[in-house]
Each structure stands twice: as structure tokens, then as C-alpha cells.
Amino acid sequence: MSDTAYARTARTTPTRYRERATWEREAIHAVLDASWICHLGFVVDGAPVVLPTIYARVGDRLYVHGSTGSRPLRAAGDDRGLPVCVTVTLVDGLVLTKSAFNHSVNFRSVVAHGTAHQVTDPDELAVALDALVDQAVPGRSADVRPANAKELAATAVIRLVLDEVSAKTRNDGANDDEADLGLPHWSGVVPVRTAYGTPEPHPGTAVPLPGYLAELG
């Protein structure tokens, strides 16, 4: 792994559309920082399991949130850790072509492999929990009551060091076959964006809308 790129491995090198892949740290971090929902994959009793959950990136560490009662979090508490695959996908557009076969999606994605370990150090856990809150709503961790002892006992976080990781992106138009160009069907790209609505205060909220929420999105 260099200062600017992660090392390529067999697991992080796609077999199709390799030109869409990158191992550049800046590009991978940009995708991870643009979202806060991941899918955590692991194996239990010989069967694959994939769970959606929240995550946050702090440097080259990916923190994934869960409950102390969940299977992956318990397994990650073992000294050997838990082999996992974490994926993040952002959809940027629907690519519609004149043929059904050539339809596609414009996207940005990251796939990270490695062994996850449960975060047990109190200082690191505090950093991870604040990051998990701020990943979804920047600035929120400084404007809430910190978790108490009971809540901390019910919360677990696992750490995956970013090492075996790559990103893949498609950002292209509709690629119609030349033989289809004369067909009377619409083709093009429908952009897809995430939009935040107007915050709706709880009846018990007496404070004005915080600036970080007014600026969200």
C-alpha cells in the first residue's frame, strides 16, 4: 500500500470492466464519505449473511455499528476477529437504452475485505461513536447527550482497517447498439440524487433549528 493508493489483490481486482476500478485512496475515501449505509457480509455456520447497517470512516479505519447481541459483533470480539466484506454503493443515474439488454446504472461503489475486530478501548469507542453520528449528520455529535453506561453496554462497534479495498465507478451515457439507433424508443440517463426534506421538530423540541440541519443537503 502506497501513500496514494491501496495495494491491488485478487479479491479487489474485478474480472469485468477493470477500467472502471481504482485503488486510489482519495477516490475510495470520497465514495465512503458520501454515504453512511453499508452492507456487512460474513459467514455464520457455513452460510453467508449480509446485513445493512451504518458506518463511518476515520482515516484508514472503517467503523461499523451494531448491537452487542448481534452475531457478527460477538464473533468480532474474538481475538481472531471476523472475516468480513463491506460494500458501499451510490446510485447516480438510470441508464436507459433502446434495447433492454444494454440498460445500465451509473454508480460509485467500494468493496473492502479484511478481518474486523470489536472496538473495546474506551477512547477509541468514543471517537467511533461520534464519527458514526457525524457521518450521517455532520456536527450532530456535539449537539446531543452522550451515551450513558447502559447504552454503551448495549452498543458495539467493529473496526475494519482499510487495506484490501477498491472502488468501481460507471459515469457514462446510454450506449446504444448502432443497429438500434433508428428504433423509436427513448434512450438517455435519468439522474438519481438523494434529497433531504424540511426537518420536522418533535413536539417537545423548544430550541430553534440548528445550523447544521438547516444546511443539510
Protein backbone atom coordinates (compact mmCIF):
# COMPACT_ATOMS: atom_id res chain seq x y z
CA MET A 1 0.00 0.00 0.00
CA SER A 2 1.46 3.37 -1.06
CA ASP A 3 0.72 6.83 0.25
CA THR A 4 -1.72 7.44 -2.61
CA ALA A 5 -3.13 4.02 -3.42
CA TYR A 6 -4.06 0.74 -1.79
CA ALA A 7 -2.38 -2.44 -2.98
CA ARG A 8 -4.18 -4.45 -5.64
CA THR A 9 -5.12 -8.01 -4.73
CA ALA A 10 -7.00 -10.80 -6.47
CA ARG A 11 -10.09 -10.01 -4.39
CA THR A 12 -10.05 -6.30 -5.20
CA THR A 13 -9.38 -6.68 -8.93
CA PRO A 14 -12.62 -7.04 -10.92
CA THR A 15 -12.84 -9.60 -13.69
CA ARG A 16 -15.12 -7.38 -15.80
CA TYR A 17 -14.77 -3.67 -16.70
CA ARG A 18 -11.40 -3.35 -14.99
CA GLU A 19 -11.07 0.14 -16.46
CA ARG A 20 -13.78 1.28 -14.04
CA ALA A 21 -11.82 0.21 -10.98
CA THR A 22 -9.46 2.30 -8.90
CA TRP A 23 -7.29 1.70 -5.88
CA GLU A 24 -6.56 5.38 -5.30
CA ARG A 25 -7.09 6.30 -1.67
CA GLU A 26 -8.61 9.70 -2.46
CA ALA A 27 -11.23 8.22 -4.79
CA ILE A 28 -12.11 5.41 -2.35
CA HIS A 29 -12.39 7.78 0.60
CA ALA A 30 -14.62 10.11 -1.43
CA VAL A 31 -17.14 7.33 -2.05
CA LEU A 32 -17.09 6.21 1.58
CA ASP A 33 -17.51 9.78 2.84
CA ALA A 34 -20.50 10.37 0.58
CA SER A 35 -22.69 7.77 2.30
CA TRP A 36 -23.37 6.23 5.70
CA ILE A 37 -25.15 2.95 4.93
CA CYS A 38 -23.11 -0.16 4.15
CA HIS A 39 -23.73 -3.87 3.76
CA LEU A 40 -21.70 -6.10 6.04
CA GLY A 41 -21.10 -9.62 4.76
CA PHE A 42 -19.77 -12.54 6.81
CA VAL A 43 -20.26 -16.30 7.20
CA VAL A 44 -22.15 -18.00 10.04
CA ASP A 45 -22.21 -21.80 10.30
CA GLY A 46 -21.11 -22.11 6.70
CA ALA A 47 -23.84 -19.83 5.34
CA PRO A 48 -23.38 -16.27 4.06
CA VAL A 49 -25.11 -13.40 5.88
CA VAL A 50 -25.35 -9.79 4.68
CA LEU A 51 -26.62 -7.07 7.00
CA PRO A 52 -27.34 -3.39 6.26
CA THR A 53 -26.00 -1.05 8.92
CA ILE A 54 -24.35 2.34 9.42
CA TYR A 55 -20.64 3.04 9.20
CA ALA A 56 -18.11 5.84 9.45
CA ARG A 57 -14.60 6.32 8.13
CA VAL A 58 -11.85 7.73 10.33
CA GLY A 59 -8.59 7.79 8.40
CA ASP A 60 -7.92 4.26 7.20
CA ARG A 61 -10.34 2.74 9.68
CA LEU A 62 -13.93 1.82 8.89
CA TYR A 63 -16.19 1.63 11.94
CA VAL A 64 -19.40 -0.39 11.64
CA HIS A 65 -22.20 -0.08 14.19
CA GLY A 66 -24.19 -2.87 15.77
CA SER A 67 -25.65 -4.38 18.92
CA THR A 68 -23.71 -6.37 21.49
CA GLY A 69 -26.29 -9.11 20.93
CA SER A 70 -25.68 -9.45 17.19
CA ARG A 71 -23.77 -12.42 15.80
CA PRO A 72 -21.10 -10.52 13.85
CA LEU A 73 -20.31 -8.24 16.77
CA ARG A 74 -19.93 -11.19 19.16
CA ALA A 75 -17.73 -13.03 16.68
CA ALA A 76 -15.58 -9.95 16.10
CA GLY A 77 -14.87 -9.84 19.83
CA ASP A 78 -12.77 -12.99 19.49
CA ASP A 79 -9.01 -12.44 19.30
CA ARG A 80 -9.03 -13.87 15.78
CA GLY A 81 -11.59 -11.32 14.65
CA LEU A 82 -14.25 -11.84 12.00
CA PRO A 83 -13.52 -12.12 8.24
CA VAL A 84 -15.87 -9.67 6.54
CA CYS A 85 -16.66 -7.96 3.29
CA VAL A 86 -18.09 -4.44 3.49
CA THR A 87 -19.72 -2.80 0.48
CA VAL A 88 -21.00 0.72 -0.14
CA THR A 89 -22.95 1.66 -3.27
CA LEU A 90 -24.19 5.03 -4.52
CA VAL A 91 -26.61 5.16 -7.47
CA ASP A 92 -26.13 8.27 -9.63
CA GLY A 93 -28.33 7.54 -12.62
CA LEU A 94 -30.56 5.14 -14.52
CA VAL A 95 -29.10 4.44 -17.94
CA LEU A 96 -31.90 3.66 -20.40
CA THR A 97 -31.14 2.36 -23.87
CA LYS A 98 -33.22 1.37 -26.87
CA SER A 99 -32.63 -2.30 -26.03
CA ALA A 100 -33.40 -3.95 -22.71
CA PHE A 101 -30.03 -5.72 -22.75
CA ASN A 102 -27.97 -2.51 -22.75
CA HIS A 103 -29.72 -0.83 -19.81
CA SER A 104 -27.33 0.03 -17.01
CA VAL A 105 -26.79 2.14 -13.88
CA ASN A 106 -24.33 4.94 -13.21
CA PHE A 107 -22.84 4.25 -9.81
CA ARG A 108 -19.95 4.61 -7.39
CA SER A 109 -19.07 1.66 -5.16
CA VAL A 110 -16.44 0.45 -2.72
CA VAL A 111 -15.70 -3.13 -1.67
CA ALA A 112 -13.43 -3.76 1.32
CA HIS A 113 -12.18 -7.13 2.55
CA GLY A 114 -10.46 -7.93 5.81
CA THR A 115 -10.75 -9.08 9.40
CA ALA A 116 -12.90 -6.95 11.69
CA HIS A 117 -12.28 -6.57 15.41
CA GLN A 118 -14.56 -5.25 18.10
CA VAL A 119 -13.61 -1.85 19.47
CA THR A 120 -13.05 -2.17 23.22
CA ASP A 121 -10.76 0.75 24.08
CA PRO A 122 -13.00 3.46 25.65
CA ASP A 123 -11.22 6.34 23.93
CA GLU A 124 -11.39 4.72 20.50
CA LEU A 125 -15.02 3.76 21.09
CA ALA A 126 -15.89 7.37 21.89
CA VAL A 127 -14.23 8.52 18.66
CA ALA A 128 -16.03 5.81 16.67
CA LEU A 129 -19.47 6.58 18.10
CA ASP A 130 -19.10 10.31 17.43
CA ALA A 131 -17.96 9.53 13.89
CA LEU A 132 -20.95 7.25 13.29
CA VAL A 133 -23.31 10.08 14.26
CA ASP A 134 -21.46 12.72 12.25
CA GLN A 135 -21.15 10.51 9.16
CA ALA A 136 -24.92 10.76 8.72
CA VAL A 137 -25.41 14.28 10.11
CA PRO A 138 -22.17 16.31 10.29
CA GLY A 139 -21.99 18.29 13.52
CA ARG A 140 -24.64 16.28 15.34
CA SER A 141 -22.37 14.52 17.85
CA ALA A 142 -21.58 17.84 19.56
CA ASP A 143 -25.27 18.66 19.95
CA VAL A 144 -26.61 15.56 21.76
CA ARG A 145 -26.38 13.86 25.15
CA PRO A 146 -23.50 11.37 25.13
CA ALA A 147 -24.34 7.69 25.61
CA ASN A 148 -24.64 6.59 29.22
CA ALA A 149 -23.20 3.39 30.72
CA LYS A 150 -26.34 1.35 29.99
CA GLU A 151 -26.44 2.48 26.36
CA LEU A 152 -22.74 1.81 25.89
CA ALA A 153 -23.21 -1.71 27.25
CA ALA A 154 -25.81 -2.39 24.58
CA THR A 155 -23.79 -0.89 21.73
CA ALA A 156 -20.91 -2.48 19.87
CA VAL A 157 -18.68 -1.21 17.11
CA ILE A 158 -16.35 -3.21 14.91
CA ARG A 159 -13.25 -1.87 13.20
CA LEU A 160 -12.05 -2.82 9.74
CA VAL A 161 -8.70 -1.41 8.72
CA LEU A 162 -8.83 -0.35 5.07
CA ASP A 163 -6.14 -2.34 3.34
CA GLU A 164 -7.68 -4.70 0.79
CA VAL A 165 -10.11 -2.30 -0.86
CA SER A 166 -11.06 -0.89 -4.25
CA ALA A 167 -13.65 1.37 -5.84
CA LYS A 168 -15.56 0.94 -9.08
CA THR A 169 -17.46 3.63 -10.97
CA ARG A 170 -19.65 3.98 -14.02
CA ASN A 171 -20.32 7.54 -15.21
CA ASP A 172 -21.32 7.26 -18.81
CA GLY A 173 -24.21 7.80 -21.17
CA ALA A 174 -26.54 5.39 -22.90
CA ASN A 175 -24.56 3.11 -25.18
CA ASP A 176 -26.98 2.10 -27.90
CA ASP A 177 -26.00 -0.51 -30.45
CA GLU A 178 -25.55 1.06 -33.87
CA ALA A 179 -28.27 -1.21 -35.27
CA ASP A 180 -30.72 0.17 -32.67
CA LEU A 181 -30.17 3.88 -33.28
CA GLY A 182 -33.13 4.18 -35.63
CA LEU A 183 -35.60 2.49 -33.28
CA PRO A 184 -38.48 4.67 -31.98
CA HIS A 185 -37.54 4.34 -28.29
CA TRP A 186 -36.21 6.92 -25.86
CA SER A 187 -32.66 6.50 -24.60
CA GLY A 188 -30.61 8.55 -22.16
CA VAL A 189 -29.77 8.95 -18.50
CA VAL A 190 -32.14 9.72 -15.62
CA PRO A 191 -30.07 11.32 -12.82
CA VAL A 192 -30.66 9.95 -9.31
CA ARG A 193 -29.99 12.17 -6.29
CA THR A 194 -30.59 11.97 -2.54
CA ALA A 195 -32.64 14.91 -1.27
CA TYR A 196 -33.36 15.94 2.32
CA GLY A 197 -36.78 17.31 3.24
CA THR A 198 -37.58 20.10 5.69
CA PRO A 199 -36.75 18.99 9.26
CA GLU A 200 -39.88 18.27 11.32
CA PRO A 201 -39.37 19.07 15.04
CA HIS A 202 -40.66 16.84 17.82
CA PRO A 203 -43.47 18.47 19.86
CA GLY A 204 -41.14 18.57 22.86
CA THR A 205 -38.44 20.48 20.98
CA ALA A 206 -38.26 24.12 22.05
CA VAL A 207 -34.89 25.08 20.55
CA PRO A 208 -34.53 26.62 17.08
CA LEU A 209 -33.36 24.54 14.16
CA PRO A 210 -29.57 24.04 14.42
CA GLY A 211 -27.49 25.45 11.63
CA TYR A 212 -26.05 22.05 10.67
CA LEU A 213 -29.59 20.81 9.98
CA ALA A 214 -30.59 23.94 8.08
CA GLU A 215 -27.57 23.38 5.84
CA LEU A 216 -28.06 19.61 5.47
CA GLY A 217 -28.03 18.54 1.88
